C-alpha cells in the first residue's frame, strides 16, 4: 500500500466512524438496527446535522432498501453517502 492509498484508507475509516457514531445515537435499543420510532425520535438531531427531512416516514422507507422495517447500518451509509 502506498502512502497515498493509506491516506485514503484513513479518510474512509474516519467517515465510517462518524456514520457509526450517528447511527449508534439513533439506535436507542442498541440492536444495531433503527426502527421507524427510533428514526422519528432522531429527526431533530438529524436536522441539526444538516439532513433535510420533511417527511420522516418517506425518508425512512427510502433508506430501508430491503423493506425489512428497520434501517441497517449499510443502508444508512448508502443513503448518507
Foldseek 3Di string as FASTA:
>chain_A
DDPVVVVVVVVVVVVLVVLVVLQCVLPPVPPQWHALVSQVVCVVVVVVVPDDPPDSVVVQVVLPVVPPRIHHSVSSVVVVD
